[in-house]
Amino acid sequence: YGVWLGAPPNSVSQRGAEPEVSHSQAHVQLFR
């Protein structure tokens, strides 16, 4: 199906230069 990456609970992401957003749940991402 493609390449899988994962982020554990309490990981962060950021939109541009805005403050980081913390994610309480884990998530995985698929790149085809």
PDB file of all heavy atoms in Angstrom:
ATOM      1  N   TYR A   1       0.805  -1.221   0.000  1.00  0.00           N
ATOM      2  CA  TYR A   1       0.000   0.000   0.000  1.00  0.00           C
ATOM      3  C   TYR A   1       0.832   1.262   0.000  1.00  0.00           C
ATOM      4  O   TYR A   1       0.341   2.334  -0.343  1.00  0.00           O
ATOM      5  CB  TYR A   1      -0.951   0.000   1.203  1.00  0.00           C
ATOM      6  CG  TYR A   1      -1.874  -1.189   1.168  1.00  0.00           C
ATOM      7  CD1 TYR A   1      -1.680  -2.252   2.042  1.00  0.00           C
ATOM      8  CD2 TYR A   1      -2.896  -1.273   0.235  1.00  0.00           C
ATOM      9  CE1 TYR A   1      -2.514  -3.363   1.993  1.00  0.00           C
ATOM     10  CE2 TYR A   1      -3.721  -2.378   0.171  1.00  0.00           C
ATOM     11  CZ  TYR A   1      -3.527  -3.420   1.056  1.00  0.00           C
ATOM     12  OH  TYR A   1      -4.341  -4.520   0.991  1.00  0.00           O
ATOM     13  N   GLY A   2       2.086   1.174   0.420  1.00  0.00           N
ATOM     14  CA  GLY A   2       2.943   2.345   0.440  1.00  0.00           C
ATOM     15  C   GLY A   2       3.846   2.366   1.653  1.00  0.00           C
ATOM     16  O   GLY A   2       4.074   1.346   2.305  1.00  0.00           O
ATOM     17  N   VAL A   3       4.370   3.552   1.943  1.00  0.00           N
ATOM     18  CA  VAL A   3       5.290   3.753   3.066  1.00  0.00           C
ATOM     19  C   VAL A   3       4.477   4.260   4.258  1.00  0.00           C
ATOM     20  O   VAL A   3       3.675   5.191   4.122  1.00  0.00           O
ATOM     21  CB  VAL A   3       6.386   4.776   2.700  1.00  0.00           C
ATOM     22  CG1 VAL A   3       7.304   5.026   3.883  1.00  0.00           C
ATOM     23  CG2 VAL A   3       7.180   4.294   1.485  1.00  0.00           C
ATOM     24  N   TRP A   4       4.729   3.664   5.424  1.00  0.00           N
ATOM     25  CA  TRP A   4       4.002   4.004   6.644  1.00  0.00           C
ATOM     26  C   TRP A   4       4.928   4.688   7.631  1.00  0.00           C
ATOM     27  O   TRP A   4       6.019   4.198   7.903  1.00  0.00           O
ATOM     28  CB  TRP A   4       3.443   2.742   7.292  1.00  0.00           C
ATOM     29  CG  TRP A   4       2.392   2.061   6.480  1.00  0.00           C
ATOM     30  CD1 TRP A   4       2.589   1.115   5.503  1.00  0.00           C
ATOM     31  CD2 TRP A   4       0.981   2.256   6.564  1.00  0.00           C
ATOM     32  NE1 TRP A   4       1.390   0.716   4.985  1.00  0.00           N
ATOM     33  CE2 TRP A   4       0.384   1.391   5.615  1.00  0.00           C
ATOM     34  CE3 TRP A   4       0.173   3.073   7.350  1.00  0.00           C
ATOM     35  CZ2 TRP A   4      -1.001   1.341   5.433  1.00  0.00           C
ATOM     36  CZ3 TRP A   4      -1.201   3.008   7.173  1.00  0.00           C
ATOM     37  CH2 TRP A   4      -1.779   2.149   6.226  1.00  0.00           C
ATOM     38  N   LEU A   5       4.465   5.814   8.166  1.00  0.00           N
ATOM     39  CA  LEU A   5       5.152   6.509   9.248  1.00  0.00           C
ATOM     40  C   LEU A   5       4.180   6.598  10.419  1.00  0.00           C
ATOM     41  O   LEU A   5       2.962   6.599  10.227  1.00  0.00           O
ATOM     42  CB  LEU A   5       5.555   7.922   8.831  1.00  0.00           C
ATOM     43  CG  LEU A   5       6.477   8.091   7.627  1.00  0.00           C
ATOM     44  CD1 LEU A   5       6.766   9.573   7.395  1.00  0.00           C
ATOM     45  CD2 LEU A   5       7.764   7.316   7.796  1.00  0.00           C
ATOM     46  N   GLY A   6       4.724   6.703  11.630  1.00  0.00           N
ATOM     47  CA  GLY A   6       3.857   6.791  12.798  1.00  0.00           C
ATOM     48  C   GLY A   6       4.308   7.864  13.771  1.00  0.00           C
ATOM     49  O   GLY A   6       5.491   8.200  13.843  1.00  0.00           O
ATOM     50  N   ALA A   7       3.337   8.374  14.505  1.00  0.00           N
ATOM     51  CA  ALA A   7       3.596   9.346  15.567  1.00  0.00           C
ATOM     52  C   ALA A   7       2.935   8.820  16.841  1.00  0.00           C
ATOM     53  O   ALA A   7       1.727   8.560  16.849  1.00  0.00           O
ATOM     54  CB  ALA A   7       3.036  10.712  15.206  1.00  0.00           C
ATOM     55  N   PRO A   8       3.713   8.644  17.905  1.00  0.00           N
ATOM     56  CA  PRO A   8       3.154   8.122  19.153  1.00  0.00           C
ATOM     57  C   PRO A   8       2.254   9.145  19.834  1.00  0.00           C
ATOM     58  O   PRO A   8       2.233  10.320  19.444  1.00  0.00           O
ATOM     59  CB  PRO A   8       4.393   7.821  19.993  1.00  0.00           C
ATOM     60  CG  PRO A   8       5.421   8.771  19.488  1.00  0.00           C
ATOM     61  CD  PRO A   8       5.139   8.948  18.021  1.00  0.00           C
ATOM     62  N   PRO A   9       1.520   8.729  20.868  1.00  0.00           N
ATOM     63  CA  PRO A   9       0.729   9.696  21.635  1.00  0.00           C
ATOM     64  C   PRO A   9       1.622  10.841  22.124  1.00  0.00           C
ATOM     65  O   PRO A   9       2.803  10.649  22.410  1.00  0.00           O
ATOM     66  CB  PRO A   9       0.203   8.879  22.814  1.00  0.00           C
ATOM     67  CG  PRO A   9       0.210   7.470  22.340  1.00  0.00           C
ATOM     68  CD  PRO A   9       1.388   7.366  21.404  1.00  0.00           C
ATOM     69  N   ASN A  10       1.031  12.022  22.191  1.00  0.00           N
ATOM     70  CA  ASN A  10       1.696  13.248  22.650  1.00  0.00           C
ATOM     71  C   ASN A  10       2.772  13.759  21.703  1.00  0.00           C
ATOM     72  O   ASN A  10       3.648  14.521  22.105  1.00  0.00           O
ATOM     73  CB  ASN A  10       2.241  13.081  24.072  1.00  0.00           C
ATOM     74  CG  ASN A  10       1.132  12.689  25.029  1.00  0.00           C
ATOM     75  OD1 ASN A  10       0.083  13.317  25.056  1.00  0.00           O
ATOM     76  ND2 ASN A  10       1.343  11.629  25.780  1.00  0.00           N
ATOM     77  N   SER A  11       2.694  13.354  20.435  1.00  0.00           N
ATOM     78  CA  SER A  11       3.593  13.922  19.431  1.00  0.00           C
ATOM     79  C   SER A  11       3.067  15.305  19.045  1.00  0.00           C
ATOM     80  O   SER A  11       1.955  15.685  19.407  1.00  0.00           O
ATOM     81  CB  SER A  11       3.664  13.015  18.208  1.00  0.00           C
ATOM     82  OG  SER A  11       2.387  12.919  17.604  1.00  0.00           O
ATOM     83  N   VAL A  12       3.873  16.057  18.312  1.00  0.00           N
ATOM     84  CA  VAL A  12       3.479  17.405  17.915  1.00  0.00           C
ATOM     85  C   VAL A  12       3.591  17.585  16.411  1.00  0.00           C
ATOM     86  O   VAL A  12       4.386  16.918  15.742  1.00  0.00           O
ATOM     87  CB  VAL A  12       4.315  18.498  18.632  1.00  0.00           C
ATOM     88  CG1 VAL A  12       4.075  18.469  20.128  1.00  0.00           C
ATOM     89  CG2 VAL A  12       5.784  18.359  18.315  1.00  0.00           C
ATOM     90  N   SER A  13       2.772  18.481  15.892  1.00  0.00           N
ATOM     91  CA  SER A  13       2.895  18.926  14.507  1.00  0.00           C
ATOM     92  C   SER A  13       2.741  20.441  14.526  1.00  0.00           C
ATOM     93  O   SER A  13       2.406  21.033  15.555  1.00  0.00           O
ATOM     94  CB  SER A  13       1.841  18.265  13.611  1.00  0.00           C
ATOM     95  OG  SER A  13       0.548  18.637  13.983  1.00  0.00           O
ATOM     96  N   GLN A  14       2.997  21.057  13.391  1.00  0.00           N
ATOM     97  CA  GLN A  14       2.977  22.516  13.341  1.00  0.00           C
ATOM     98  C   GLN A  14       2.531  22.956  11.956  1.00  0.00           C
ATOM     99  O   GLN A  14       2.918  22.352  10.940  1.00  0.00           O
ATOM    100  CB  GLN A  14       4.389  23.022  13.634  1.00  0.00           C
ATOM    101  CG  GLN A  14       4.502  24.500  13.828  1.00  0.00           C
ATOM    102  CD  GLN A  14       5.922  24.897  14.245  1.00  0.00           C
ATOM    103  OE1 GLN A  14       6.852  24.110  14.181  1.00  0.00           O
ATOM    104  NE2 GLN A  14       6.061  26.134  14.678  1.00  0.00           N
ATOM    105  N   ARG A  15       1.702  23.990  11.901  1.00  0.00           N
ATOM    106  CA  ARG A  15       1.311  24.579  10.619  1.00  0.00           C
ATOM    107  C   ARG A  15       2.139  25.830  10.421  1.00  0.00           C
ATOM    108  O   ARG A  15       2.025  26.797  11.192  1.00  0.00           O
ATOM    109  CB  ARG A  15      -0.169  24.908  10.593  1.00  0.00           C
ATOM    110  CG  ARG A  15      -0.569  25.477   9.236  1.00  0.00           C
ATOM    111  CD  ARG A  15      -2.040  25.527   8.975  1.00  0.00           C
ATOM    112  NE  ARG A  15      -2.796  26.072  10.080  1.00  0.00           N
ATOM    113  CZ  ARG A  15      -4.114  26.000  10.170  1.00  0.00           C
ATOM    114  NH1 ARG A  15      -4.808  25.389   9.238  1.00  0.00           N
ATOM    115  NH2 ARG A  15      -4.740  26.530  11.189  1.00  0.00           N
ATOM    116  N   GLY A  16       3.001  25.814   9.406  1.00  0.00           N
ATOM    117  CA  GLY A  16       3.870  26.954   9.135  1.00  0.00           C
ATOM    118  C   GLY A  16       4.697  27.286  10.358  1.00  0.00           C
ATOM    119  O   GLY A  16       5.344  26.421  10.936  1.00  0.00           O
ATOM    120  N   ALA A  17       4.644  28.553  10.778  1.00  0.00           N
ATOM    121  CA  ALA A  17       5.386  28.999  11.964  1.00  0.00           C
ATOM    122  C   ALA A  17       4.468  29.170  13.175  1.00  0.00           C
ATOM    123  O   ALA A  17       4.880  29.724  14.193  1.00  0.00           O
ATOM    124  CB  ALA A  17       6.092  30.315  11.654  1.00  0.00           C
ATOM    125  N   GLU A  18       3.230  28.685  13.071  1.00  0.00           N
ATOM    126  CA  GLU A  18       2.293  28.779  14.191  1.00  0.00           C
ATOM    127  C   GLU A  18       2.784  27.918  15.354  1.00  0.00           C
ATOM    128  O   GLU A  18       3.661  27.061  15.183  1.00  0.00           O
ATOM    129  CB  GLU A  18       0.898  28.315  13.748  1.00  0.00           C
ATOM    130  CG  GLU A  18       0.259  29.228  12.726  1.00  0.00           C
ATOM    131  CD  GLU A  18      -1.086  28.709  12.234  1.00  0.00           C
ATOM    132  OE1 GLU A  18      -1.633  27.744  12.821  1.00  0.00           O
ATOM    133  OE2 GLU A  18      -1.586  29.265  11.240  1.00  0.00           O
ATOM    134  N   PRO A  19       2.209  28.090  16.545  1.00  0.00           N
ATOM    135  CA  PRO A  19       2.603  27.248  17.681  1.00  0.00           C
ATOM    136  C   PRO A  19       2.344  25.767  17.394  1.00  0.00           C
ATOM    137  O   PRO A  19       1.428  25.419  16.642  1.00  0.00           O
ATOM    138  CB  PRO A  19       1.690  27.737  18.816  1.00  0.00           C
ATOM    139  CG  PRO A  19       1.309  29.129  18.424  1.00  0.00           C
ATOM    140  CD  PRO A  19       1.247  29.129  16.923  1.00  0.00           C
ATOM    141  N   GLU A  20       3.163  24.914  17.991  1.00  0.00           N
ATOM    142  CA  GLU A  20       3.003  23.467  17.824  1.00  0.00           C
ATOM    143  C   GLU A  20       1.657  23.009  18.373  1.00  0.00           C
ATOM    144  O   GLU A  20       1.129  23.587  19.321  1.00  0.00           O
ATOM    145  CB  GLU A  20       4.119  22.714  18.546  1.00  0.00           C
ATOM    146  CG  GLU A  20       5.454  22.871  17.891  1.00  0.00           C
ATOM    147  CD  GLU A  20       6.553  22.083  18.597  1.00  0.00           C
ATOM    148  OE1 GLU A  20       6.400  21.758  19.804  1.00  0.00           O
ATOM    149  OE2 GLU A  20       7.559  21.783  17.942  1.00  0.00           O
ATOM    150  N   VAL A  21       1.134  21.938  17.767  1.00  0.00           N
ATOM    151  CA  VAL A  21      -0.110  21.314  18.206  1.00  0.00           C
ATOM    152  C   VAL A  21       0.244  19.932  18.740  1.00  0.00           C
ATOM    153  O   VAL A  21       0.913  19.153  18.061  1.00  0.00           O
ATOM    154  CB  VAL A  21      -1.103  21.178  17.030  1.00  0.00           C
ATOM    155  CG1 VAL A  21      -2.358  20.444  17.459  1.00  0.00           C
ATOM    156  CG2 VAL A  21      -1.422  22.540  16.435  1.00  0.00           C
ATOM    157  N   SER A  22      -0.203  19.619  19.956  1.00  0.00           N
ATOM    158  CA  SER A  22       0.064  18.312  20.554  1.00  0.00           C
ATOM    159  C   SER A  22      -1.106  17.368  20.259  1.00  0.00           C
ATOM    160  O   SER A  22      -2.264  17.771  20.311  1.00  0.00           O
ATOM    161  CB  SER A  22       0.242  18.462  22.069  1.00  0.00           C
ATOM    162  OG  SER A  22       0.513  17.213  22.640  1.00  0.00           O
ATOM    163  N   HIS A  23      -0.783  16.119  19.944  1.00  0.00           N
ATOM    164  CA  HIS A  23      -1.789  15.105  19.617  1.00  0.00           C
ATOM    165  C   HIS A  23      -1.793  14.039  20.702  1.00  0.00           C
ATOM    166  O   HIS A  23      -0.820  13.307  20.859  1.00  0.00           O
ATOM    167  CB  HIS A  23      -1.482  14.463  18.262  1.00  0.00           C
ATOM    168  CG  HIS A  23      -1.333  15.469  17.160  1.00  0.00           C
ATOM    169  ND1 HIS A  23      -2.410  16.021  16.509  1.00  0.00           N
ATOM    170  CD2 HIS A  23      -0.234  16.042  16.621  1.00  0.00           C
ATOM    171  CE1 HIS A  23      -1.981  16.882  15.607  1.00  0.00           C
ATOM    172  NE2 HIS A  23      -0.665  16.921  15.654  1.00  0.00           N
ATOM    173  N   SER A  24      -2.878  13.952  21.447  1.00  0.00           N
ATOM    174  CA  SER A  24      -2.920  13.005  22.560  1.00  0.00           C
ATOM    175  C   SER A  24      -2.977  11.559  22.087  1.00  0.00           C
ATOM    176  O   SER A  24      -2.494  10.657  22.770  1.00  0.00           O
ATOM    177  CB  SER A  24      -4.100  13.308  23.492  1.00  0.00           C
ATOM    178  OG  SER A  24      -5.316  13.273  22.773  1.00  0.00           O
ATOM    179  N   GLN A  25      -3.543  11.313  20.901  1.00  0.00           N
ATOM    180  CA  GLN A  25      -3.608   9.951  20.370  1.00  0.00           C
ATOM    181  C   GLN A  25      -2.504   9.714  19.335  1.00  0.00           C
ATOM    182  O   GLN A  25      -2.069  10.633  18.657  1.00  0.00           O
ATOM    183  CB  GLN A  25      -4.957   9.694  19.677  1.00  0.00           C
ATOM    184  CG  GLN A  25      -6.144   9.670  20.584  1.00  0.00           C
ATOM    185  CD  GLN A  25      -6.773  11.042  20.738  1.00  0.00           C
ATOM    186  OE1 GLN A  25      -6.574  11.922  19.915  1.00  0.00           O
ATOM    187  NE2 GLN A  25      -7.511  11.233  21.810  1.00  0.00           N
ATOM    188  N   ALA A  26      -2.134   8.456  19.225  1.00  0.00           N
ATOM    189  CA  ALA A  26      -1.201   8.058  18.169  1.00  0.00           C
ATOM    190  C   ALA A  26      -1.885   8.204  16.809  1.00  0.00           C
ATOM    191  O   ALA A  26      -3.118   8.182  16.710  1.00  0.00           O
ATOM    192  CB  ALA A  26      -0.773   6.605  18.376  1.00  0.00           C
ATOM    193  N   HIS A  27      -1.087   8.358  15.780  1.00  0.00           N
ATOM    194  CA  HIS A  27      -1.604   8.307  14.416  1.00  0.00           C
ATOM    195  C   HIS A  27      -0.518   7.783  13.489  1.00  0.00           C
ATOM    196  O   HIS A  27       0.671   7.860  13.796  1.00  0.00           O
ATOM    197  CB  HIS A  27      -2.145   9.665  13.943  1.00  0.00           C
ATOM    198  CG  HIS A  27      -1.137  10.768  13.881  1.00  0.00           C
ATOM    199  ND1 HIS A  27      -0.774  11.508  14.979  1.00  0.00           N
ATOM    200  CD2 HIS A  27      -0.420  11.255  12.845  1.00  0.00           C
ATOM    201  CE1 HIS A  27       0.124  12.415  14.623  1.00  0.00           C
ATOM    202  NE2 HIS A  27       0.354  12.277  13.326  1.00  0.00           N
ATOM    203  N   VAL A  28      -0.954   7.192  12.390  1.00  0.00           N
ATOM    204  CA  VAL A  28      -0.033   6.724  11.368  1.00  0.00           C
ATOM    205  C   VAL A  28      -0.407   7.393  10.058  1.00  0.00           C
ATOM    206  O   VAL A  28      -1.542   7.834   9.869  1.00  0.00           O
ATOM    207  CB  VAL A  28      -0.032   5.180  11.212  1.00  0.00           C
ATOM    208  CG1 VAL A  28       0.504   4.520  12.467  1.00  0.00           C
ATOM    209  CG2 VAL A  28      -1.392   4.638  10.853  1.00  0.00           C
ATOM    210  N   GLN A  29       0.583   7.476   9.182  1.00  0.00           N
ATOM    211  CA  GLN A  29       0.354   8.132   7.906  1.00  0.00           C
ATOM    212  C   GLN A  29       0.886   7.253   6.787  1.00  0.00           C
ATOM    213  O   GLN A  29       1.940   6.638   6.902  1.00  0.00           O
ATOM    214  CB  GLN A  29       1.038   9.500   7.891  1.00  0.00           C
ATOM    215  CG  GLN A  29       0.544  10.372   6.786  1.00  0.00           C
ATOM    216  CD  GLN A  29       0.809  11.848   7.033  1.00  0.00           C
ATOM    217  OE1 GLN A  29       1.340  12.243   8.064  1.00  0.00           O
ATOM    218  NE2 GLN A  29       0.423  12.678   6.085  1.00  0.00           N
ATOM    219  N   LEU A  30       0.108   7.194   5.708  1.00  0.00           N
ATOM    220  CA  LEU A  30       0.443   6.402   4.532  1.00  0.00           C
ATOM    221  C   LEU A  30       0.837   7.325   3.395  1.00  0.00           C
ATOM    222  O   LEU A  30       0.128   8.289   3.082  1.00  0.00           O
ATOM    223  CB  LEU A  30      -0.759   5.551   4.114  1.00  0.00           C
ATOM    224  CG  LEU A  30      -0.624   4.779   2.803  1.00  0.00           C
ATOM    225  CD1 LEU A  30       0.483   3.729   2.898  1.00  0.00           C
ATOM    226  CD2 LEU A  30      -1.961   4.145   2.436  1.00  0.00           C
ATOM    227  N   PHE A  31       1.973   6.998   2.767  1.00  0.00           N
ATOM    228  CA  PHE A  31       2.471   7.742   1.612  1.00  0.00           C
ATOM    229  C   PHE A  31       2.603   6.757   0.461  1.00  0.00           C
ATOM    230  O   PHE A  31       3.422   5.844   0.522  1.00  0.00           O
ATOM    231  CB  PHE A  31       3.833   8.378   1.929  1.00  0.00           C
ATOM    232  CG  PHE A  31       3.773   9.322   3.086  1.00  0.00           C
ATOM    233  CD1 PHE A  31       3.959   8.862   4.382  1.00  0.00           C
ATOM    234  CD2 PHE A  31       3.504  10.665   2.895  1.00  0.00           C
ATOM    235  CE1 PHE A  31       3.884   9.727   5.466  1.00  0.00           C
ATOM    236  CE2 PHE A  31       3.427  11.537   3.974  1.00  0.00           C
ATOM    237  CZ  PHE A  31       3.615  11.063   5.259  1.00  0.00           C
ATOM    238  N   ARG A  32       1.784   6.925  -0.566  1.00  0.00           N
ATOM    239  CA  ARG A  32       1.783   6.022  -1.716  1.00  0.00           C
ATOM    240  C   ARG A  32       2.633   6.616  -2.829  1.00  0.00           C
ATOM    241  O   ARG A  32       2.590   7.811  -3.084  1.00  0.00           O
ATOM    242  CB  ARG A  32       0.366   5.790  -2.194  1.00  0.00           C
ATOM    243  CG  ARG A  32      -0.459   5.120  -1.081  1.00  0.00           C
ATOM    244  CD  ARG A  32      -1.692   4.527  -1.589  1.00  0.00           C
ATOM    245  NE  ARG A  32      -1.391   3.403  -2.463  1.00  0.00           N
ATOM    246  CZ  ARG A  32      -2.324   2.632  -2.976  1.00  0.00           C
ATOM    247  NH1 ARG A  32      -3.583   2.847  -2.711  1.00  0.00           N
ATOM    248  NH2 ARG A  32      -1.992   1.639  -3.774  1.00  0.00           N
TER     249      ARG A  32
END
